[in-house]
Amino acid sequence: MMDKIEGPIPMTRHDVALDYIATPQEVIATGQRYGQPAGIYWDKRPAEKLAAIPVLRQQAQAKETVSTKSSWPHNVRQSDGGE
């Protein structure tokens, strides 16, 4: 038998709070007050994790590709000030 958890459980920004806990006997609404993570916190992902988890590696590579592209659209010419 499991012991009951008393008091708050520490949460960090990457934790996902549960809205419900289902057991064979009941469904418990947690009344959670925490927000959900905003996404993947890349600064907290060690390189070993990225290498070991293909979907994370693919997303990291896609993110890197987007961030290294120029912010100026390539199909728009910049004006040189003259006509």
PDB file of N, CA and C in Angstrom:
ATOM      1  N   MET A   1       0.843  -1.182   0.000  1.00  0.00           N
ATOM      2  CA  MET A   1       0.000   0.000   0.000  1.00  0.00           C
ATOM      3  C   MET A   1       0.885   1.241   0.000  1.00  0.00           C
ATOM      4  N   MET A   2       0.472   2.244  -0.752  1.00  0.00           N
ATOM      5  CA  MET A   2       1.248   3.480  -0.848  1.00  0.00           C
ATOM      6  C   MET A   2       0.866   4.441   0.272  1.00  0.00           C
ATOM      7  N   ASP A   3       1.839   5.202   0.701  1.00  0.00           N
ATOM      8  CA  ASP A   3       1.580   6.235   1.698  1.00  0.00           C
ATOM      9  C   ASP A   3       0.950   7.445   1.019  1.00  0.00           C
ATOM     10  N   LYS A   4       0.172   8.169   1.752  1.00  0.00           N
ATOM     11  CA  LYS A   4      -0.433   9.394   1.238  1.00  0.00           C
ATOM     12  C   LYS A   4       0.614  10.503   1.253  1.00  0.00           C
ATOM     13  N   ILE A   5       0.645  11.280   0.196  1.00  0.00           N
ATOM     14  CA  ILE A   5       1.581  12.412   0.131  1.00  0.00           C
ATOM     15  C   ILE A   5       0.931  13.601   0.818  1.00  0.00           C
ATOM     16  N   GLU A   6       1.626  14.146   1.773  1.00  0.00           N
ATOM     17  CA  GLU A   6       1.134  15.305   2.514  1.00  0.00           C
ATOM     18  C   GLU A   6       1.923  16.537   2.111  1.00  0.00           C
ATOM     19  N   GLY A   7       1.241  17.635   1.895  1.00  0.00           N
ATOM     20  CA  GLY A   7       1.913  18.894   1.598  1.00  0.00           C
ATOM     21  C   GLY A   7       2.215  19.068   0.123  1.00  0.00           C
ATOM     22  N   PRO A   8       2.794  20.219  -0.216  1.00  0.00           N
ATOM     23  CA  PRO A   8       3.059  20.527  -1.619  1.00  0.00           C
ATOM     24  C   PRO A   8       4.199  19.679  -2.204  1.00  0.00           C
ATOM     25  N   ILE A   9       4.108  19.439  -3.489  1.00  0.00           N
ATOM     26  CA  ILE A   9       5.165  18.743  -4.212  1.00  0.00           C
ATOM     27  C   ILE A   9       5.928  19.808  -4.998  1.00  0.00           C
ATOM     28  N   PRO A  10       7.245  19.872  -4.844  1.00  0.00           N
ATOM     29  CA  PRO A  10       8.002  20.901  -5.571  1.00  0.00           C
ATOM     30  C   PRO A  10       7.846  20.730  -7.079  1.00  0.00           C
ATOM     31  N   MET A  11       7.647  21.839  -7.781  1.00  0.00           N
ATOM     32  CA  MET A  11       7.495  21.834  -9.232  1.00  0.00           C
ATOM     33  C   MET A  11       8.583  22.707  -9.848  1.00  0.00           C
ATOM     34  N   THR A  12       9.091  22.277 -10.986  1.00  0.00           N
ATOM     35  CA  THR A  12      10.016  23.100 -11.758  1.00  0.00           C
ATOM     36  C   THR A  12       9.327  23.488 -13.068  1.00  0.00           C
ATOM     37  N   ARG A  13       9.916  24.381 -13.833  1.00  0.00           N
ATOM     38  CA  ARG A  13       9.230  24.911 -15.013  1.00  0.00           C
ATOM     39  C   ARG A  13       8.967  23.869 -16.090  1.00  0.00           C
ATOM     40  N   HIS A  14       9.673  22.748 -16.085  1.00  0.00           N
ATOM     41  CA  HIS A  14       9.433  21.731 -17.108  1.00  0.00           C
ATOM     42  C   HIS A  14       8.467  20.633 -16.662  1.00  0.00           C
ATOM     43  N   ASP A  15       8.036  20.649 -15.417  1.00  0.00           N
ATOM     44  CA  ASP A  15       7.107  19.636 -14.923  1.00  0.00           C
ATOM     45  C   ASP A  15       5.709  19.855 -15.492  1.00  0.00           C
ATOM     46  N   VAL A  16       5.017  18.764 -15.766  1.00  0.00           N
ATOM     47  CA  VAL A  16       3.636  18.813 -16.240  1.00  0.00           C
ATOM     48  C   VAL A  16       2.746  18.409 -15.072  1.00  0.00           C
ATOM     49  N   ALA A  17       1.905  19.329 -14.634  1.00  0.00           N
ATOM     50  CA  ALA A  17       1.014  19.055 -13.511  1.00  0.00           C
ATOM     51  C   ALA A  17      -0.183  18.230 -13.990  1.00  0.00           C
ATOM     52  N   LEU A  18      -0.590  17.273 -13.176  1.00  0.00           N
ATOM     53  CA  LEU A  18      -1.723  16.419 -13.515  1.00  0.00           C
ATOM     54  C   LEU A  18      -3.028  17.074 -13.088  1.00  0.00           C
ATOM     55  N   ASP A  19      -4.027  16.978 -13.950  1.00  0.00           N
ATOM     56  CA  ASP A  19      -5.361  17.452 -13.604  1.00  0.00           C
ATOM     57  C   ASP A  19      -6.132  16.380 -12.837  1.00  0.00           C
ATOM     58  N   TYR A  20      -5.856  15.112 -13.186  1.00  0.00           N
ATOM     59  CA  TYR A  20      -6.540  13.985 -12.562  1.00  0.00           C
ATOM     60  C   TYR A  20      -5.556  12.850 -12.308  1.00  0.00           C
ATOM     61  N   ILE A  21      -5.855  12.070 -11.288  1.00  0.00           N
ATOM     62  CA  ILE A  21      -5.122  10.839 -11.005  1.00  0.00           C
ATOM     63  C   ILE A  21      -6.161   9.724 -10.995  1.00  0.00           C
ATOM     64  N   ALA A  22      -5.952   8.720 -11.854  1.00  0.00           N
ATOM     65  CA  ALA A  22      -6.899   7.604 -11.933  1.00  0.00           C
ATOM     66  C   ALA A  22      -6.280   6.373 -11.283  1.00  0.00           C
ATOM     67  N   THR A  23      -7.028   5.778 -10.396  1.00  0.00           N
ATOM     68  CA  THR A  23      -6.633   4.519  -9.769  1.00  0.00           C
ATOM     69  C   THR A  23      -7.729   3.502 -10.094  1.00  0.00           C
ATOM     70  N   PRO A  24      -7.491   2.239  -9.832  1.00  0.00           N
ATOM     71  CA  PRO A  24      -8.560   1.259 -10.080  1.00  0.00           C
ATOM     72  C   PRO A  24      -9.833   1.548  -9.260  1.00  0.00           C
ATOM     73  N   GLN A  25      -9.696   2.241  -8.152  1.00  0.00           N
ATOM     74  CA  GLN A  25     -10.847   2.496  -7.283  1.00  0.00           C
ATOM     75  C   GLN A  25     -11.527   3.849  -7.522  1.00  0.00           C
ATOM     76  N   GLU A  26     -10.776   4.849  -8.012  1.00  0.00           N
ATOM     77  CA  GLU A  26     -11.367   6.192  -8.118  1.00  0.00           C
ATOM     78  C   GLU A  26     -10.591   7.085  -9.079  1.00  0.00           C
ATOM     79  N   VAL A  27     -11.235   8.197  -9.438  1.00  0.00           N
ATOM     80  CA  VAL A  27     -10.580   9.257 -10.202  1.00  0.00           C
ATOM     81  C   VAL A  27     -10.543  10.475  -9.291  1.00  0.00           C
ATOM     82  N   ILE A  28      -9.333  11.017  -9.090  1.00  0.00           N
ATOM     83  CA  ILE A  28      -9.143  12.123  -8.158  1.00  0.00           C
ATOM     84  C   ILE A  28      -8.807  13.381  -8.936  1.00  0.00           C
ATOM     85  N   ALA A  29      -9.618  14.423  -8.784  1.00  0.00           N
ATOM     86  CA  ALA A  29      -9.310  15.727  -9.365  1.00  0.00           C
ATOM     87  C   ALA A  29      -8.262  16.381  -8.476  1.00  0.00           C
ATOM     88  N   THR A  30      -7.146  16.783  -9.060  1.00  0.00           N
ATOM     89  CA  THR A  30      -6.049  17.315  -8.242  1.00  0.00           C
ATOM     90  C   THR A  30      -6.242  18.771  -7.867  1.00  0.00           C
ATOM     91  N   GLY A  31      -7.028  19.503  -8.641  1.00  0.00           N
ATOM     92  CA  GLY A  31      -7.166  20.929  -8.364  1.00  0.00           C
ATOM     93  C   GLY A  31      -5.858  21.671  -8.575  1.00  0.00           C
ATOM     94  N   GLN A  32      -5.046  21.166  -9.497  1.00  0.00           N
ATOM     95  CA  GLN A  32      -3.708  21.737  -9.717  1.00  0.00           C
ATOM     96  C   GLN A  32      -3.781  23.212 -10.084  1.00  0.00           C
ATOM     97  N   ARG A  33      -2.795  23.977  -9.613  1.00  0.00           N
ATOM     98  CA  ARG A  33      -2.749  25.421  -9.809  1.00  0.00           C
ATOM     99  C   ARG A  33      -1.571  25.846 -10.671  1.00  0.00           C
ATOM    100  N   TYR A  34      -0.881  24.890 -11.225  1.00  0.00           N
ATOM    101  CA  TYR A  34       0.324  25.201 -11.984  1.00  0.00           C
ATOM    102  C   TYR A  34      -0.002  25.342 -13.464  1.00  0.00           C
ATOM    103  N   GLY A  35       0.742  26.193 -14.135  1.00  0.00           N
ATOM    104  CA  GLY A  35       0.617  26.282 -15.578  1.00  0.00           C
ATOM    105  C   GLY A  35       1.331  25.112 -16.230  1.00  0.00           C
ATOM    106  N   GLN A  36       1.131  24.967 -17.511  1.00  0.00           N
ATOM    107  CA  GLN A  36       1.807  23.908 -18.255  1.00  0.00           C
ATOM    108  C   GLN A  36       3.091  24.472 -18.858  1.00  0.00           C
ATOM    109  N   PRO A  37       4.067  23.620 -19.145  1.00  0.00           N
ATOM    110  CA  PRO A  37       5.318  24.099 -19.746  1.00  0.00           C
ATOM    111  C   PRO A  37       5.058  24.808 -21.074  1.00  0.00           C
ATOM    112  N   ALA A  38       5.879  25.798 -21.375  1.00  0.00           N
ATOM    113  CA  ALA A  38       5.730  26.558 -22.612  1.00  0.00           C
ATOM    114  C   ALA A  38       6.296  25.811 -23.815  1.00  0.00           C
ATOM    115  N   GLY A  39       6.985  24.737 -23.593  1.00  0.00           N
ATOM    116  CA  GLY A  39       7.597  23.972 -24.675  1.00  0.00           C
ATOM    117  C   GLY A  39       8.807  23.234 -24.148  1.00  0.00           C
ATOM    118  N   ILE A  40       9.718  22.930 -25.053  1.00  0.00           N
ATOM    119  CA  ILE A  40      10.945  22.239 -24.657  1.00  0.00           C
ATOM    120  C   ILE A  40      11.957  23.289 -24.206  1.00  0.00           C
ATOM    121  N   TYR A  41      12.519  23.102 -23.061  1.00  0.00           N
ATOM    122  CA  TYR A  41      13.539  24.015 -22.555  1.00  0.00           C
ATOM    123  C   TYR A  41      14.904  23.484 -23.004  1.00  0.00           C
ATOM    124  N   TRP A  42      15.322  23.956 -24.174  1.00  0.00           N
ATOM    125  CA  TRP A  42      16.521  23.435 -24.813  1.00  0.00           C
ATOM    126  C   TRP A  42      17.775  23.640 -23.971  1.00  0.00           C
ATOM    127  N   ASP A  43      17.812  24.700 -23.183  1.00  0.00           N
ATOM    128  CA  ASP A  43      18.991  24.963 -22.348  1.00  0.00           C
ATOM    129  C   ASP A  43      19.159  23.918 -21.245  1.00  0.00           C
ATOM    130  N   LYS A  44      18.133  23.143 -20.979  1.00  0.00           N
ATOM    131  CA  LYS A  44      18.194  22.107 -19.942  1.00  0.00           C
ATOM    132  C   LYS A  44      18.415  20.713 -20.513  1.00  0.00           C
ATOM    133  N   ARG A  45      18.492  20.576 -21.830  1.00  0.00           N
ATOM    134  CA  ARG A  45      18.658  19.266 -22.465  1.00  0.00           C
ATOM    135  C   ARG A  45      20.131  18.993 -22.738  1.00  0.00           C
ATOM    136  N   PRO A  46      20.710  18.028 -22.052  1.00  0.00           N
ATOM    137  CA  PRO A  46      22.108  17.679 -22.328  1.00  0.00           C
ATOM    138  C   PRO A  46      22.244  17.051 -23.717  1.00  0.00           C
ATOM    139  N   ALA A  47      23.397  17.211 -24.330  1.00  0.00           N
ATOM    140  CA  ALA A  47      23.650  16.670 -25.659  1.00  0.00           C
ATOM    141  C   ALA A  47      23.424  15.160 -25.708  1.00  0.00           C
ATOM    142  N   GLU A  48      23.739  14.459 -24.624  1.00  0.00           N
ATOM    143  CA  GLU A  48      23.539  13.004 -24.598  1.00  0.00           C
ATOM    144  C   GLU A  48      22.066  12.645 -24.764  1.00  0.00           C
ATOM    145  N   LYS A  49      21.185  13.435 -24.150  1.00  0.00           N
ATOM    146  CA  LYS A  49      19.745  13.185 -24.279  1.00  0.00           C
ATOM    147  C   LYS A  49      19.298  13.394 -25.719  1.00  0.00           C
ATOM    148  N   LEU A  50      19.762  14.486 -26.328  1.00  0.00           N
ATOM    149  CA  LEU A  50      19.388  14.761 -27.715  1.00  0.00           C
ATOM    150  C   LEU A  50      19.861  13.646 -28.632  1.00  0.00           C
ATOM    151  N   ALA A  51      21.055  13.137 -28.392  1.00  0.00           N
ATOM    152  CA  ALA A  51      21.600  12.058 -29.214  1.00  0.00           C
ATOM    153  C   ALA A  51      20.826  10.756 -29.011  1.00  0.00           C
ATOM    154  N   ALA A  52      20.328  10.529 -27.807  1.00  0.00           N
ATOM    155  CA  ALA A  52      19.672   9.268 -27.479  1.00  0.00           C
ATOM    156  C   ALA A  52      18.191   9.228 -27.868  1.00  0.00           C
ATOM    157  N   ILE A  53      17.571  10.382 -28.039  1.00  0.00           N
ATOM    158  CA  ILE A  53      16.135  10.429 -28.327  1.00  0.00           C
ATOM    159  C   ILE A  53      15.930  11.049 -29.709  1.00  0.00           C
ATOM    160  N   PRO A  54      15.653  10.222 -30.713  1.00  0.00           N
ATOM    161  CA  PRO A  54      15.568  10.710 -32.101  1.00  0.00           C
ATOM    162  C   PRO A  54      14.619  11.887 -32.313  1.00  0.00           C
ATOM    163  N   VAL A  55      13.444  11.871 -31.713  1.00  0.00           N
ATOM    164  CA  VAL A  55      12.496  12.962 -31.946  1.00  0.00           C
ATOM    165  C   VAL A  55      13.022  14.288 -31.373  1.00  0.00           C
ATOM    166  N   LEU A  56      13.698  14.243 -30.234  1.00  0.00           N
ATOM    167  CA  LEU A  56      14.303  15.470 -29.682  1.00  0.00           C
ATOM    168  C   LEU A  56      15.434  15.961 -30.581  1.00  0.00           C
ATOM    169  N   ARG A  57      16.247  15.032 -31.074  1.00  0.00           N
ATOM    170  CA  ARG A  57      17.344  15.392 -31.970  1.00  0.00           C
ATOM    171  C   ARG A  57      16.800  16.072 -33.233  1.00  0.00           C
ATOM    172  N   GLN A  58      15.732  15.540 -33.810  1.00  0.00           N
ATOM    173  CA  GLN A  58      15.132  16.116 -35.010  1.00  0.00           C
ATOM    174  C   GLN A  58      14.581  17.511 -34.728  1.00  0.00           C
ATOM    175  N   GLN A  59      13.920  17.675 -33.605  1.00  0.00           N
ATOM    176  CA  GLN A  59      13.369  18.990 -33.263  1.00  0.00           C
ATOM    177  C   GLN A  59      14.475  19.996 -32.997  1.00  0.00           C
ATOM    178  N   ALA A  60      15.551  19.572 -32.352  1.00  0.00           N
ATOM    179  CA  ALA A  60      16.683  20.465 -32.093  1.00  0.00           C
ATOM    180  C   ALA A  60      17.326  20.899 -33.406  1.00  0.00           C
ATOM    181  N   GLN A  61      17.468  19.965 -34.347  1.00  0.00           N
ATOM    182  CA  GLN A  61      18.046  20.297 -35.647  1.00  0.00           C
ATOM    183  C   GLN A  61      17.133  21.252 -36.414  1.00  0.00           C
ATOM    184  N   ALA A  62      15.835  21.036 -36.368  1.00  0.00           N
ATOM    185  CA  ALA A  62      14.885  21.922 -37.037  1.00  0.00           C
ATOM    186  C   ALA A  62      14.931  23.308 -36.416  1.00  0.00           C
ATOM    187  N   LYS A  63      15.002  23.375 -35.104  1.00  0.00           N
ATOM    188  CA  LYS A  63      15.085  24.666 -34.403  1.00  0.00           C
ATOM    189  C   LYS A  63      16.352  25.402 -34.803  1.00  0.00           C
ATOM    190  N   GLU A  64      17.466  24.682 -34.882  1.00  0.00           N
ATOM    191  CA  GLU A  64      18.739  25.282 -35.269  1.00  0.00           C
ATOM    192  C   GLU A  64      18.684  25.807 -36.698  1.00  0.00           C
ATOM    193  N   THR A  65      18.066  25.063 -37.598  1.00  0.00           N
ATOM    194  CA  THR A  65      17.935  25.478 -38.995  1.00  0.00           C
ATOM    195  C   THR A  65      17.140  26.773 -39.098  1.00  0.00           C
ATOM    196  N   VAL A  66      16.039  26.860 -38.371  1.00  0.00           N
ATOM    197  CA  VAL A  66      15.208  28.066 -38.402  1.00  0.00           C
ATOM    198  C   VAL A  66      15.959  29.262 -37.838  1.00  0.00           C
ATOM    199  N   SER A  67      16.685  29.080 -36.742  1.00  0.00           N
ATOM    200  CA  SER A  67      17.365  30.208 -36.103  1.00  0.00           C
ATOM    201  C   SER A  67      18.576  30.694 -36.891  1.00  0.00           C
ATOM    202  N   THR A  68      19.125  29.866 -37.784  1.00  0.00           N
ATOM    203  CA  THR A  68      20.294  30.297 -38.554  1.00  0.00           C
ATOM    204  C   THR A  68      19.918  30.925 -39.890  1.00  0.00           C
ATOM    205  N   LYS A  69      18.651  30.835 -40.296  1.00  0.00           N
ATOM    206  CA  LYS A  69      18.217  31.466 -41.537  1.00  0.00           C
ATOM    207  C   LYS A  69      18.145  32.975 -41.345  1.00  0.00           C
ATOM    208  N   SER A  70      18.360  33.690 -42.422  1.00  0.00           N
ATOM    209  CA  SER A  70      18.276  35.145 -42.371  1.00  0.00           C
ATOM    210  C   SER A  70      16.848  35.566 -42.055  1.00  0.00           C
ATOM    211  N   SER A  71      16.699  36.629 -41.299  1.00  0.00           N
ATOM    212  CA  SER A  71      15.363  37.118 -40.997  1.00  0.00           C
ATOM    213  C   SER A  71      14.780  37.913 -42.167  1.00  0.00           C
ATOM    214  N   TRP A  72      15.617  38.317 -43.109  1.00  0.00           N
ATOM    215  CA  TRP A  72      15.133  39.052 -44.267  1.00  0.00           C
ATOM    216  C   TRP A  72      14.733  38.059 -45.350  1.00  0.00           C
ATOM    217  N   PRO A  73      13.499  38.154 -45.867  1.00  0.00           N
ATOM    218  CA  PRO A  73      13.078  37.206 -46.907  1.00  0.00           C
ATOM    219  C   PRO A  73      13.990  37.293 -48.132  1.00  0.00           C
ATOM    220  N   HIS A  74      14.380  36.147 -48.668  1.00  0.00           N
ATOM    221  CA  HIS A  74      15.293  36.108 -49.804  1.00  0.00           C
ATOM    222  C   HIS A  74      14.640  36.526 -51.112  1.00  0.00           C
ATOM    223  N   ASN A  75      13.303  36.472 -51.186  1.00  0.00           N
ATOM    224  CA  ASN A  75      12.656  36.822 -52.430  1.00  0.00           C
ATOM    225  C   ASN A  75      12.238  38.298 -52.503  1.00  0.00           C
ATOM    226  N   VAL A  76      12.664  39.096 -51.540  1.00  0.00           N
ATOM    227  CA  VAL A  76      12.353  40.524 -51.521  1.00  0.00           C
ATOM    228  C   VAL A  76      13.665  41.293 -51.661  1.00  0.00           C
ATOM    229  N   ARG A  77      13.692  42.192 -52.639  1.00  0.00           N
ATOM    230  CA  ARG A  77      14.917  42.985 -52.816  1.00  0.00           C
ATOM    231  C   ARG A  77      14.874  44.195 -51.888  1.00  0.00           C
ATOM    232  N   GLN A  78      16.015  44.472 -51.276  1.00  0.00           N
ATOM    233  CA  GLN A  78      16.117  45.665 -50.454  1.00  0.00           C
ATOM    234  C   GLN A  78      16.380  46.843 -51.383  1.00  0.00           C
ATOM    235  N   SER A  79      15.761  47.957 -51.050  1.00  0.00           N
ATOM    236  CA  SER A  79      15.975  49.175 -51.841  1.00  0.00           C
ATOM    237  C   SER A  79      17.345  49.761 -51.569  1.00  0.00           C
ATOM    238  N   ASP A  80      18.014  50.225 -52.618  1.00  0.00           N
ATOM    239  CA  ASP A  80      19.309  50.868 -52.425  1.00  0.00           C
ATOM    240  C   ASP A  80      19.149  52.379 -52.285  1.00  0.00           C
ATOM    241  N   GLY A  81      17.890  52.833 -52.211  1.00  0.00           N
ATOM    242  CA  GLY A  81      17.638  54.263 -52.029  1.00  0.00           C
ATOM    243  C   GLY A  81      17.416  54.976 -53.360  1.00  0.00           C
ATOM    244  N   GLY A  82      17.852  54.406 -54.463  1.00  0.00           N
ATOM    245  CA  GLY A  82      17.665  55.023 -55.774  1.00  0.00           C
ATOM    246  C   GLY A  82      16.583  54.299 -56.542  1.00  0.00           C
ATOM    247  N   GLU A  83      16.352  54.776 -57.773  1.00  0.00           N
ATOM    248  CA  GLU A  83      15.329  54.125 -58.588  1.00  0.00           C
ATOM    249  C   GLU A  83      15.948  53.323 -59.668  1.00  0.00           C
TER     250      GLU A  83
END
